[in-house]
Amino acid sequence: MTSLPVLVPATDESCCAPAGMPVLGAEEAKQKALVFKALADPNRLRLLSMVKAEASGESCVCDLTDALDLGQPTVSHHLKILVDAGLLHREKRGTWAYYSLVPGALEQTAGLLASL
């Protein structure tokens, strides 16, 4: 019968040294995770691309609802998540809400992973 080798822990103290302070703080990680979570839904990606493609730079929620074949409450929910993530800006005009991209938001989003 062959015996298995016994693993002996290394005596070098540096192998168990703490990794140090995380480069990404808890609050910053939370904010970045909101952006990734917002982008993780196909309908929200479509909404973002539709707002970006609009020649006027903004889209009315009524136009976005028709294009996605989703109910208005569902579209409004998705848009709220994109606003909360800092990707879209919302402006209320009468009974309608208009959405536009937050300046620099897409560029910031593109750099999120690189900044880790």
Protein backbone atom coordinates (compact mmCIF):
# COMPACT_ATOMS: atom_id res chain seq x y z
CA MET A 1 0.00 0.00 0.00
CA THR A 2 1.34 3.42 -0.98
CA SER A 3 1.06 6.18 1.54
CA LEU A 4 0.09 9.69 0.52
CA PRO A 5 2.56 12.48 1.23
CA VAL A 6 1.81 14.61 4.23
CA LEU A 7 1.51 18.30 3.47
CA VAL A 8 3.27 20.46 6.00
CA PRO A 9 2.35 24.14 6.19
CA ALA A 10 5.10 26.49 5.14
CA THR A 11 6.93 28.19 7.96
CA ASP A 12 7.30 31.40 5.97
CA GLU A 13 5.11 33.98 7.77
CA SER A 14 4.66 36.07 4.58
CA CYS A 15 2.37 33.48 2.98
CA CYS A 16 -0.38 34.34 5.42
CA ALA A 17 0.14 38.08 5.55
CA PRO A 18 -3.04 40.07 5.09
CA ALA A 19 -3.63 41.27 1.56
CA GLY A 20 -3.85 44.85 2.78
CA MET A 21 -6.54 47.39 2.19
CA PRO A 22 -8.76 46.66 -0.80
CA VAL A 23 -8.20 48.99 -3.71
CA LEU A 24 -11.95 49.22 -4.22
CA GLY A 25 -13.81 50.49 -1.19
CA ALA A 26 -17.16 49.07 -0.09
CA GLU A 27 -19.22 52.10 -1.18
CA GLU A 28 -17.48 52.37 -4.55
CA ALA A 29 -17.99 48.64 -5.15
CA LYS A 30 -21.67 49.04 -4.31
CA GLN A 31 -22.05 51.87 -6.84
CA LYS A 32 -20.24 49.97 -9.58
CA ALA A 33 -22.32 46.88 -8.91
CA LEU A 34 -25.48 48.96 -9.44
CA VAL A 35 -24.28 49.80 -12.94
CA PHE A 36 -23.49 46.18 -13.77
CA LYS A 37 -26.81 45.05 -12.37
CA ALA A 38 -28.63 47.66 -14.43
CA LEU A 39 -26.88 46.50 -17.59
CA ALA A 40 -27.52 42.81 -16.90
CA ASP A 41 -31.07 42.93 -18.26
CA PRO A 42 -31.72 42.74 -22.04
CA ASN A 43 -34.66 45.16 -21.87
CA ARG A 44 -32.57 47.75 -20.04
CA LEU A 45 -29.79 47.40 -22.60
CA ARG A 46 -32.34 47.97 -25.35
CA LEU A 47 -33.75 51.02 -23.56
CA LEU A 48 -30.29 52.49 -23.15
CA SER A 49 -29.50 51.96 -26.83
CA MET A 50 -32.83 53.47 -27.88
CA VAL A 51 -32.26 56.61 -25.83
CA LYS A 52 -28.72 56.90 -27.17
CA ALA A 53 -29.87 56.49 -30.78
CA GLU A 54 -32.52 59.24 -30.55
CA ALA A 55 -31.47 62.19 -32.72
CA SER A 56 -32.82 64.73 -30.22
CA GLY A 57 -30.78 63.15 -27.42
CA GLU A 58 -33.86 62.27 -25.39
CA SER A 59 -36.77 59.86 -25.50
CA CYS A 60 -40.27 60.04 -24.10
CA VAL A 61 -41.34 57.07 -22.00
CA CYS A 62 -44.39 56.73 -24.29
CA ASP A 63 -42.15 56.05 -27.31
CA LEU A 64 -40.01 53.57 -25.40
CA THR A 65 -43.03 51.61 -24.22
CA ASP A 66 -44.39 51.07 -27.74
CA ALA A 67 -41.04 50.00 -29.16
CA LEU A 68 -40.38 47.32 -26.53
CA ASP A 69 -43.86 45.78 -26.52
CA LEU A 70 -43.86 45.94 -22.72
CA GLY A 71 -46.34 47.56 -20.40
CA GLN A 72 -45.74 51.11 -19.22
CA PRO A 73 -45.18 50.09 -15.57
CA THR A 74 -42.51 47.57 -16.63
CA VAL A 75 -40.72 50.07 -18.85
CA SER A 76 -40.87 52.71 -16.10
CA HIS A 77 -39.36 50.21 -13.65
CA HIS A 78 -36.47 49.46 -16.01
CA LEU A 79 -35.91 53.17 -16.64
CA LYS A 80 -35.84 53.88 -12.89
CA ILE A 81 -33.09 51.29 -12.46
CA LEU A 82 -31.07 52.95 -15.24
CA VAL A 83 -31.58 56.36 -13.60
CA ASP A 84 -30.59 55.00 -10.16
CA ALA A 85 -27.44 53.52 -11.70
CA GLY A 86 -26.48 56.96 -13.01
CA LEU A 87 -26.82 56.07 -16.68
CA LEU A 88 -29.95 58.04 -17.58
CA HIS A 89 -31.35 61.40 -16.56
CA ARG A 90 -35.13 61.83 -16.11
CA GLU A 91 -37.01 65.05 -16.75
CA LYS A 92 -40.74 65.30 -16.06
CA ARG A 93 -42.77 67.41 -18.52
CA GLY A 94 -46.46 67.45 -17.78
CA THR A 95 -47.67 63.87 -17.59
CA TRP A 96 -44.70 62.42 -19.49
CA ALA A 97 -41.13 61.72 -18.52
CA TYR A 98 -38.24 62.22 -20.91
CA TYR A 99 -34.97 60.34 -20.60
CA SER A 100 -31.49 61.27 -21.80
CA LEU A 101 -28.03 59.85 -21.28
CA VAL A 102 -26.05 61.27 -18.40
CA PRO A 103 -23.05 63.00 -20.01
CA GLY A 104 -19.99 60.74 -19.76
CA ALA A 105 -21.92 57.83 -18.21
CA LEU A 106 -21.19 55.39 -21.02
CA GLU A 107 -17.50 56.28 -21.06
CA GLN A 108 -17.34 55.83 -17.29
CA THR A 109 -19.11 52.52 -17.60
CA ALA A 110 -16.66 51.35 -20.24
CA GLY A 111 -13.80 52.08 -17.84
CA LEU A 112 -15.28 50.31 -14.81
CA LEU A 113 -13.53 47.00 -15.32
CA ALA A 114 -10.28 48.62 -16.35
CA SER A 115 -10.24 50.58 -13.09
CA LEU A 116 -10.20 47.42 -11.02
